[in-house]
C-alpha atoms as a PDB file:
ATOM      1  CA  MET A   1     107.239  84.440 115.489  1.00  0.00           C
ATOM      2  CA  LEU A   2     107.105  88.218 114.988  1.00  0.00           C
ATOM      3  CA  GLN A   3     110.783  88.272 114.027  1.00  0.00           C
ATOM      4  CA  SER A   4     110.106  85.951 111.093  1.00  0.00           C
ATOM      5  CA  GLY A   5     107.116  88.144 110.255  1.00  0.00           C
ATOM      6  CA  TYR A   6     109.336  91.200 109.813  1.00  0.00           C
ATOM      7  CA  MET A   7     111.562  89.313 107.382  1.00  0.00           C
ATOM      8  CA  ALA A   8     108.593  87.897 105.482  1.00  0.00           C
ATOM      9  CA  VAL A   9     107.222  91.411 104.951  1.00  0.00           C
ATOM     10  CA  MET A  10     110.574  92.801 103.829  1.00  0.00           C
ATOM     11  CA  GLN A  11     111.147  89.910 101.426  1.00  0.00           C
ATOM     12  CA  ALA A  12     107.705  90.122  99.784  1.00  0.00           C
ATOM     13  CA  GLY A  13     108.088  90.023  96.025  1.00  0.00           C
ATOM     14  CA  SER A  14     104.748  91.412  94.875  1.00  0.00           C
ATOM     15  CA  ARG A  15     101.877  93.629  95.986  1.00  0.00           C
ATOM     16  CA  GLU A  16      99.814  90.542  96.817  1.00  0.00           C
ATOM     17  CA  GLU A  17     102.556  88.966  98.938  1.00  0.00           C
ATOM     18  CA  PHE A  18     103.176  92.286 100.668  1.00  0.00           C
ATOM     19  CA  LEU A  19      99.511  92.659 101.637  1.00  0.00           C
ATOM     20  CA  SER A  20      99.268  89.030 102.749  1.00  0.00           C
ATOM     21  CA  GLU A  21     102.271  89.380 105.057  1.00  0.00           C
ATOM     22  CA  ILE A  22     101.244  92.658 106.705  1.00  0.00           C
ATOM     23  CA  VAL A  23      97.726  91.282 107.244  1.00  0.00           C
ATOM     24  CA  ARG A  24      99.150  88.143 108.846  1.00  0.00           C
ATOM     25  CA  PHE A  25     101.453  90.172 111.087  1.00  0.00           C
ATOM     26  CA  THR A  26      98.853  92.655 112.311  1.00  0.00           C
ATOM     27  CA  GLN A  27      96.241  89.976 112.947  1.00  0.00           C
ATOM     28  CA  GLN A  28      98.745  88.283 115.248  1.00  0.00           C
ATOM     29  CA  LEU A  29      98.717  91.536 117.218  1.00  0.00           C
ATOM     30  CA  GLY A  30      94.922  91.444 117.494  1.00  0.00           C
ATOM     31  CA  PHE A  31      93.916  93.864 114.710  1.00  0.00           C
ATOM     32  CA  GLN A  32      91.538  92.883 111.926  1.00  0.00           C
ATOM     33  CA  THR A  33      92.413  95.430 109.248  1.00  0.00           C
ATOM     34  CA  VAL A  34      95.578  97.102 108.033  1.00  0.00           C
ATOM     35  CA  SER A  35      96.546  99.630 105.381  1.00  0.00           C
ATOM     36  CA  ALA A  36      99.921 100.711 104.051  1.00  0.00           C
ATOM     37  CA  THR A  37     100.242 103.826 101.911  1.00  0.00           C
ATOM     38  CA  MET A  38     103.240 105.139  99.999  1.00  0.00           C
ATOM     39  CA  VAL A  39     102.955 108.827  99.076  1.00  0.00           C
ATOM     40  CA  LEU A  40     105.198 110.244  96.351  1.00  0.00           C
ATOM     41  CA  ASP A  41     105.326 114.034  96.075  1.00  0.00           C
ATOM     42  CA  HIS A  42     105.784 115.391  92.533  1.00  0.00           C
ATOM     43  CA  VAL A  43     106.835 118.925  91.633  1.00  0.00           C
ATOM     44  CA  LEU A  44     104.805 119.134  88.416  1.00  0.00           C
ATOM     45  CA  ALA A  45     101.838 116.988  89.374  1.00  0.00           C
ATOM     46  CA  GLU A  46      99.664 115.986  92.291  1.00  0.00           C
ATOM     47  CA  SER A  47     101.107 113.644  94.888  1.00  0.00           C
ATOM     48  CA  GLU A  48     100.761 109.962  94.048  1.00  0.00           C
ATOM     49  CA  PHE A  49      99.135 107.632  96.586  1.00  0.00           C
ATOM     50  CA  ILE A  50      99.763 103.872  96.421  1.00  0.00           C
ATOM     51  CA  THR A  51      97.686 101.982  98.994  1.00  0.00           C
ATOM     52  CA  VAL A  52      97.310  98.304  99.837  1.00  0.00           C
ATOM     53  CA  ASP A  53      94.760  97.223 102.429  1.00  0.00           C
ATOM     54  CA  ASN A  54      92.215  94.612 103.439  1.00  0.00           C
ATOM     55  CA  ALA A  55      89.351  97.038 104.012  1.00  0.00           C
ATOM     56  CA  PRO A  56      85.852  95.516 103.643  1.00  0.00           C
ATOM     57  CA  GLU A  57      84.676  95.851 100.045  1.00  0.00           C
ATOM     58  CA  ALA A  58      81.539  97.753 101.088  1.00  0.00           C
ATOM     59  CA  PHE A  59      83.719 100.362 102.789  1.00  0.00           C
ATOM     60  CA  ARG A  60      86.445 100.609 100.137  1.00  0.00           C
ATOM     61  CA  THR A  61      85.216 103.699  98.288  1.00  0.00           C
ATOM     62  CA  ALA A  62      84.833 105.729 101.470  1.00  0.00           C
ATOM     63  CA  PHE A  63      88.082 104.341 102.893  1.00  0.00           C
ATOM     64  CA  LEU A  64      90.112 105.489  99.870  1.00  0.00           C
ATOM     65  CA  SER A  65      88.351 108.842  99.446  1.00  0.00           C
ATOM     66  CA  ARG A  66      90.837 111.724  99.411  1.00  0.00           C
ATOM     67  CA  GLU A  67      88.100 114.015 100.700  1.00  0.00           C
ATOM     68  CA  ASN A  68      87.589 111.768 103.726  1.00  0.00           C
ATOM     69  CA  TRP A  69      91.360 111.688 104.280  1.00  0.00           C
ATOM     70  CA  ARG A  70      91.389 115.493 104.472  1.00  0.00           C
ATOM     71  CA  ARG A  71      88.786 115.351 107.251  1.00  0.00           C
ATOM     72  CA  ASP A  72      90.240 112.368 109.083  1.00  0.00           C
ATOM     73  CA  PRO A  73      92.190 113.490 112.199  1.00  0.00           C
ATOM     74  CA  VAL A  74      94.307 110.318 112.152  1.00  0.00           C
ATOM     75  CA  MET A  75      95.395 110.900 108.552  1.00  0.00           C
ATOM     76  CA  GLN A  76      96.103 114.550 109.278  1.00  0.00           C
ATOM     77  CA  HIS A  77      98.239 113.564 112.269  1.00  0.00           C
ATOM     78  CA  CYS A  78     100.264 111.153 110.109  1.00  0.00           C
ATOM     79  CA  LYS A  79     100.623 113.782 107.401  1.00  0.00           C
ATOM     80  CA  ARG A  80     102.413 116.124 109.799  1.00  0.00           C
ATOM     81  CA  GLN A  81     104.091 113.914 112.394  1.00  0.00           C
ATOM     82  CA  SER A  82     106.140 110.735 112.775  1.00  0.00           C
ATOM     83  CA  VAL A  83     104.949 110.057 116.338  1.00  0.00           C
ATOM     84  CA  PRO A  84     102.485 107.122 116.438  1.00  0.00           C
ATOM     85  CA  ILE A  85      98.876 107.950 117.219  1.00  0.00           C
ATOM     86  CA  ILE A  86      96.649 105.635 119.276  1.00  0.00           C
ATOM     87  CA  TRP A  87      93.119 106.582 118.360  1.00  0.00           C
ATOM     88  CA  GLY A  88      89.536 105.860 119.293  1.00  0.00           C
ATOM     89  CA  GLN A  89      86.146 107.536 119.148  1.00  0.00           C
ATOM     90  CA  SER A  90      87.286 110.556 121.183  1.00  0.00           C
ATOM     91  CA  THR A  91      90.003 111.307 118.608  1.00  0.00           C
ATOM     92  CA  TYR A  92      87.248 112.021 116.110  1.00  0.00           C
ATOM     93  CA  THR A  93      84.685 113.654 118.371  1.00  0.00           C
ATOM     94  CA  ASP A  94      87.295 115.984 119.866  1.00  0.00           C
ATOM     95  CA  GLY A  95      88.207 117.020 116.332  1.00  0.00           C
ATOM     96  CA  GLY A  96      84.610 117.630 115.338  1.00  0.00           C
ATOM     97  CA  GLN A  97      84.520 114.567 113.068  1.00  0.00           C
ATOM     98  CA  GLY A  98      82.281 112.274 115.070  1.00  0.00           C
ATOM     99  CA  ASP A  99      80.242 111.427 111.972  1.00  0.00           C
ATOM    100  CA  VAL A 100      83.385 110.075 110.275  1.00  0.00           C
ATOM    101  CA  TRP A 101      83.954 107.709 113.195  1.00  0.00           C
ATOM    102  CA  GLU A 102      80.288 106.640 113.226  1.00  0.00           C
ATOM    103  CA  GLU A 103      80.483 105.680 109.555  1.00  0.00           C
ATOM    104  CA  GLN A 104      83.736 103.714 109.776  1.00  0.00           C
ATOM    105  CA  ALA A 105      82.737 102.028 113.057  1.00  0.00           C
ATOM    106  CA  ARG A 106      80.006 100.193 111.130  1.00  0.00           C
ATOM    107  CA  TYR A 107      82.798  98.346 109.319  1.00  0.00           C
ATOM    108  CA  GLY A 108      84.923  97.540 112.363  1.00  0.00           C
ATOM    109  CA  TYR A 109      87.084 100.681 112.431  1.00  0.00           C
ATOM    110  CA  ARG A 110      86.487 101.641 116.064  1.00  0.00           C
ATOM    111  CA  ALA A 111      90.039 102.030 117.347  1.00  0.00           C
ATOM    112  CA  GLY A 112      93.566 101.594 116.111  1.00  0.00           C
ATOM    113  CA  ILE A 113      97.143 102.728 115.840  1.00  0.00           C
ATOM    114  CA  ALA A 114      98.739 104.632 112.967  1.00  0.00           C
ATOM    115  CA  MET A 115     102.173 106.025 112.207  1.00  0.00           C
ATOM    116  CA  ALA A 116     104.166 107.561 109.380  1.00  0.00           C
ATOM    117  CA  LEU A 117     107.721 107.742 108.112  1.00  0.00           C
ATOM    118  CA  HIS A 118     108.681 110.919 106.246  1.00  0.00           C
ATOM    119  CA  LEU A 119     111.540 110.069 103.917  1.00  0.00           C
ATOM    120  CA  PRO A 120     113.912 112.001 101.627  1.00  0.00           C
ATOM    121  CA  GLU A 121     112.974 112.900  98.033  1.00  0.00           C
ATOM    122  CA  GLY A 122     109.349 113.633  98.890  1.00  0.00           C
ATOM    123  CA  ARG A 123     108.458 110.103  99.948  1.00  0.00           C
ATOM    124  CA  HIS A 124     106.155 109.260 102.839  1.00  0.00           C
ATOM    125  CA  PHE A 125     104.994 105.912 104.189  1.00  0.00           C
ATOM    126  CA  MET A 126     101.984 105.391 106.463  1.00  0.00           C
ATOM    127  CA  LEU A 127     100.838 102.244 108.231  1.00  0.00           C
ATOM    128  CA  GLY A 128      97.574 101.890 110.132  1.00  0.00           C
ATOM    129  CA  VAL A 129      95.930  98.979 111.954  1.00  0.00           C
ATOM    130  CA  GLU A 130      92.355  98.891 113.208  1.00  0.00           C
ATOM    131  CA  ARG A 131      89.951  96.743 115.208  1.00  0.00           C
ATOM    132  CA  ASP A 132      86.326  96.656 116.348  1.00  0.00           C
ATOM    133  CA  GLN A 133      87.156  97.086 120.040  1.00  0.00           C
ATOM    134  CA  GLN A 134      89.303  99.409 122.115  1.00  0.00           C
ATOM    135  CA  VAL A 135      93.079  99.004 122.067  1.00  0.00           C
ATOM    136  CA  PRO A 136      94.530  97.239 125.139  1.00  0.00           C
ATOM    137  CA  SER A 137      94.402  99.385 128.276  1.00  0.00           C
ATOM    138  CA  ASP A 138      97.437  97.790 129.933  1.00  0.00           C
ATOM    139  CA  PRO A 139     100.347 100.236 129.392  1.00  0.00           C
ATOM    140  CA  THR A 140     102.964  97.508 129.103  1.00  0.00           C
ATOM    141  CA  GLU A 141     101.025  95.560 126.501  1.00  0.00           C
ATOM    142  CA  LEU A 142     100.181  98.704 124.546  1.00  0.00           C
ATOM    143  CA  THR A 143     103.823  99.835 124.548  1.00  0.00           C
ATOM    144  CA  ARG A 144     104.867  96.438 123.206  1.00  0.00           C
ATOM    145  CA  ILE A 145     102.291  96.564 120.417  1.00  0.00           C
ATOM    146  CA  VAL A 146     103.341 100.064 119.359  1.00  0.00           C
ATOM    147  CA  ALA A 147     107.009  99.017 119.354  1.00  0.00           C
ATOM    148  CA  ASP A 148     106.167  95.960 117.216  1.00  0.00           C
ATOM    149  CA  LEU A 149     104.240  98.124 114.766  1.00  0.00           C
ATOM    150  CA  GLN A 150     107.037 100.686 114.555  1.00  0.00           C
ATOM    151  CA  LEU A 151     109.473  97.945 113.606  1.00  0.00           C
ATOM    152  CA  LEU A 152     106.958  96.533 111.133  1.00  0.00           C
ATOM    153  CA  THR A 153     106.601  99.994 109.563  1.00  0.00           C
ATOM    154  CA  VAL A 154     110.353 100.245 108.983  1.00  0.00           C
ATOM    155  CA  HIS A 155     110.479  96.823 107.311  1.00  0.00           C
ATOM    156  CA  ALA A 156     107.278  97.439 105.342  1.00  0.00           C
ATOM    157  CA  GLN A 157     108.446 100.733 103.887  1.00  0.00           C
ATOM    158  CA  GLU A 158     111.635  99.070 102.645  1.00  0.00           C
ATOM    159  CA  ALA A 159     109.533  96.502 100.805  1.00  0.00           C
ATOM    160  CA  ALA A 160     107.055  99.121  99.560  1.00  0.00           C
ATOM    161  CA  VAL A 161     109.823 101.240  98.025  1.00  0.00           C
ATOM    162  CA  ARG A 162     111.241  98.192  96.251  1.00  0.00           C
ATOM    163  CA  ILE A 163     107.863  96.919  95.024  1.00  0.00           C
ATOM    164  CA  PHE A 164     106.061 100.167  94.205  1.00  0.00           C
ATOM    165  CA  VAL A 165     108.819 102.656  93.355  1.00  0.00           C
ATOM    166  CA  PRO A 166     111.349 101.683  90.666  1.00  0.00           C
ATOM    167  CA  VAL A 167     114.838 102.850  91.633  1.00  0.00           C
ATOM    168  CA  ALA A 168     115.855 103.549  88.037  1.00  0.00           C
ATOM    169  CA  PRO A 169     114.174 104.019  84.656  1.00  0.00           C
ATOM    170  CA  ASP A 170     113.191 100.799  82.946  1.00  0.00           C
ATOM    171  CA  LYS A 171     115.106 101.011  79.671  1.00  0.00           C
ATOM    172  CA  SER A 172     112.887  98.437  77.973  1.00  0.00           C
ATOM    173  CA  VAL A 173     109.768 100.492  78.746  1.00  0.00           C
ATOM    174  CA  ALA A 174     111.461 103.720  77.643  1.00  0.00           C
ATOM    175  CA  ALA A 175     112.516 102.125  74.370  1.00  0.00           C
ATOM    176  CA  SER A 176     109.046 100.724  73.683  1.00  0.00           C
ATOM    177  CA  LEU A 177     107.264 104.087  73.947  1.00  0.00           C
ATOM    178  CA  THR A 178     107.130 105.966  70.657  1.00  0.00           C
ATOM    179  CA  PRO A 179     107.839 109.729  70.458  1.00  0.00           C
ATOM    180  CA  ARG A 180     104.150 110.330  69.701  1.00  0.00           C
ATOM    181  CA  GLU A 181     103.060 108.325  72.745  1.00  0.00           C
ATOM    182  CA  LEU A 182     105.394 110.338  74.951  1.00  0.00           C
ATOM    183  CA  GLU A 183     104.152 113.592  73.438  1.00  0.00           C
ATOM    184  CA  ALA A 184     100.553 112.579  74.047  1.00  0.00           C
ATOM    185  CA  LEU A 185     101.386 111.724  77.662  1.00  0.00           C
ATOM    186  CA  ARG A 186     103.224 115.005  78.138  1.00  0.00           C
ATOM    187  CA  TRP A 187     100.234 117.064  76.967  1.00  0.00           C
ATOM    188  CA  THR A 188      97.937 114.871  79.067  1.00  0.00           C
ATOM    189  CA  MET A 189     100.119 115.796  82.047  1.00  0.00           C
ATOM    190  CA  GLU A 190      99.441 119.444  81.179  1.00  0.00           C
ATOM    191  CA  GLY A 191      95.726 118.789  81.540  1.00  0.00           C
ATOM    192  CA  LYS A 192      94.847 118.661  77.849  1.00  0.00           C
ATOM    193  CA  THR A 193      91.907 116.576  76.633  1.00  0.00           C
ATOM    194  CA  ALA A 194      92.309 114.055  73.832  1.00  0.00           C
ATOM    195  CA  TRP A 195      90.682 116.552  71.442  1.00  0.00           C
ATOM    196  CA  GLU A 196      93.186 119.241  72.476  1.00  0.00           C
ATOM    197  CA  VAL A 197      96.118 116.818  72.221  1.00  0.00           C
ATOM    198  CA  GLY A 198      94.969 115.929  68.712  1.00  0.00           C
ATOM    199  CA  ASN A 199      94.869 119.579  67.687  1.00  0.00           C
ATOM    200  CA  ILE A 200      98.324 120.275  69.152  1.00  0.00           C
ATOM    201  CA  LEU A 201      99.914 117.252  67.463  1.00  0.00           C
ATOM    202  CA  GLY A 202      97.976 117.599  64.216  1.00  0.00           C
ATOM    203  CA  ILE A 203      96.246 114.239  64.547  1.00  0.00           C
ATOM    204  CA  SER A 204      92.680 113.114  65.109  1.00  0.00           C
ATOM    205  CA  GLU A 205      91.168 112.838  68.585  1.00  0.00           C
ATOM    206  CA  ARG A 206      90.834 109.087  68.059  1.00  0.00           C
ATOM    207  CA  THR A 207      94.538 108.765  67.252  1.00  0.00           C
ATOM    208  CA  ALA A 208      95.438 110.843  70.322  1.00  0.00           C
ATOM    209  CA  VAL A 209      93.379 108.480  72.473  1.00  0.00           C
ATOM    210  CA  LEU A 210      95.123 105.519  70.834  1.00  0.00           C
ATOM    211  CA  HIS A 211      98.572 106.956  71.659  1.00  0.00           C
ATOM    212  CA  VAL A 212      97.632 107.498  75.317  1.00  0.00           C
ATOM    213  CA  ASN A 213      96.071 104.026  75.584  1.00  0.00           C
ATOM    214  CA  ASN A 214      99.161 102.420  74.060  1.00  0.00           C
ATOM    215  CA  ALA A 215     101.360 104.263  76.575  1.00  0.00           C
ATOM    216  CA  MET A 216      99.101 103.117  79.418  1.00  0.00           C
ATOM    217  CA  HIS A 217      99.388  99.467  78.395  1.00  0.00           C
ATOM    218  CA  LYS A 218     103.157  99.628  77.928  1.00  0.00           C
ATOM    219  CA  LEU A 219     103.547 101.211  81.374  1.00  0.00           C
ATOM    220  CA  GLY A 220     101.219  98.648  82.947  1.00  0.00           C
ATOM    221  CA  CYS A 221      98.725 101.282  84.132  1.00  0.00           C
ATOM    222  CA  VAL A 222      94.938 101.261  84.293  1.00  0.00           C
ATOM    223  CA  ASN A 223      94.285 104.941  83.508  1.00  0.00           C
ATOM    224  CA  LYS A 224      96.012 107.924  81.934  1.00  0.00           C
ATOM    225  CA  HIS A 225      96.649 109.711  85.237  1.00  0.00           C
ATOM    226  CA  GLN A 226      98.475 106.701  86.651  1.00  0.00           C
ATOM    227  CA  ALA A 227     100.441 106.461  83.385  1.00  0.00           C
ATOM    228  CA  VAL A 228     101.560 110.089  83.668  1.00  0.00           C
ATOM    229  CA  LEU A 229     102.687 109.589  87.261  1.00  0.00           C
ATOM    230  CA  LYS A 230     104.598 106.422  86.408  1.00  0.00           C
ATOM    231  CA  ALA A 231     106.256 108.110  83.424  1.00  0.00           C
ATOM    232  CA  LEU A 232     107.333 110.946  85.726  1.00  0.00           C
ATOM    233  CA  ARG A 233     108.703 108.484  88.248  1.00  0.00           C
ATOM    234  CA  LEU A 234     110.628 106.638  85.537  1.00  0.00           C
ATOM    235  CA  GLY A 235     112.108 109.858  84.224  1.00  0.00           C
ATOM    236  CA  LEU A 236     110.316 109.578  80.873  1.00  0.00           C
ATOM    237  CA  LEU A 237     108.596 112.946  81.407  1.00  0.00           C
ATOM    238  CA  ARG A 238     110.057 116.102  82.915  1.00  0.00           C
END
């Protein structure tokens, strides 16, 4: 059954299918929640984080907080190493972050396993599974679970790259963006406000906002920061 699960994850055709398959797989292993994160390092901008998960809605803001990630010993382990980490309450208390564990434990994040793949071209992929009880204590069973998750991680990152990271610029998107829209995005990347972009381009603030919003919609993004990152990834901005 797990073998078909690997293939189902790798063949997922959308973000929704991808999440559905990794949730199904990890629940078969006895874990309630799962998260998969693709990190894309950029030279001229902050790293981009693309995360899919089934975290409880009440915990979502804290779960996705970059500030919490900086404090989280599991995330810091994955940031630096490829060796899987099997964690529990002591992982946090030993690192002086017992309050972080106390908060997440209220939502079922009491123990889990996490691992990362550090790939070429500044790409990183992290997978974590969690449950509301301790991980199995039997060494043989635990070794099997870790091995299953390592194989899942390899298949999942292949799908994540295909779904979340275009391998080449989309010529139709590039052609649809006007020179003004690209200019507005470029100055937005430099940290300029809409008022400043308007002054630089000799247009009104309202028109500058319109150019950025048009670029966002054409790129299929929900905010200007995501639009800048996608334009960088597509090679539309340098």
